[in-house]
Amino acid sequence: MAGLEAVVFDLDGTLVDSRQHILNYNRDLFAAVNLPFPENEAEAFLTLDRVALERRFFGQVDRPDVVEFRRRARYLDRLGEIVPAPGADELLRDLTYRDVALAILTNRGHSTRPLLDLLGWRGYFRAIVAADDDPEPKPAPDGMISILRELDVSADCAMMVGDSILDIRAAAAAGVRSCSVGGQPVPGSEIHFQSLSGVSDWLARGAPGPEPGQPFAL
C-alpha cells in the first residue's frame, strides 16, 4: 500500500492464539457461578470486552460469584497459555525495520500490556488502546481515532489488521483501510490473507493494491 505509515493490529485471534485460553477461563467462570457455559455463543467470548460479556450472560444475582471468581482465579496468572500466532514475530520485526508505526487496538482489557510484556512485544508498539482505556470498544471508532491522533498519522495512511467484523467496522468508521487474516475473509475487509506470513510476503512485494473498489484475497 503506497504511503503506508501505520499498521493497527487487533490482538486476540490476530497476533496471538488465545482461543482455548479464553474459552477455558470462561468455562471455569461459568462453573463457579453454577451456570452452563453457552457453547453455541462461544464466539462472543473471543470478541466482546469483559463488561459487555458480563452484561450479556450474568444477572445481578450472579455478580458476587463473578467478582469472587475473578479475585480468586487471577486472569493474569494464566497469560502464559497464550502463544504468538504463526508469523507474528517476523511481521512485527519486518514492519519495525521498515519504520512503520505499530499500534494495538483490542477489546482485551487490563491484561493487554502484561501480555505484550510477556511476549516481549511491548517495545514494538507506539500506541496501545485496550478496552479499559477507551469508553467505547470496537466496533466504535473511538480507539482508532485516538491511535491516529497519538501517532500523528492520517486515516488514509493507516491500515487495520484483524480477524473479526468488529475490527473491520471500527476501521471503516474511522476511514481506515482494513486487512483480515484467518480462514475466511471478513465482510467489508479490503484485503484478506490466510496468515500473517501472507501479510509479510505482500509487503515484500511492495504491497500492491486491488483495483479501485475491488477487494482481493491472497
Foldseek 3Di string as FASTA:
>chain_A
DPLAAEEEEEPDPAFKDCLVVQLVLVCVLCVQLVHHDPPVPSVCSRAAAPVVVCVPPHDPVSVVSNVVSCVVVPSLVSLVVMGTFPPNVVLLVVCVVVNRAYEYAYQYPPCVVVSCVVVVNPVSHPYYDYNPRDVDHFPALVRVVVVCVSVVHQQDNYEYEEAEPRRLNNSVNRNHAYEYEDDDGYPNHQEYEPHVVVVVVCVVVVNDHDDVPHGDYD
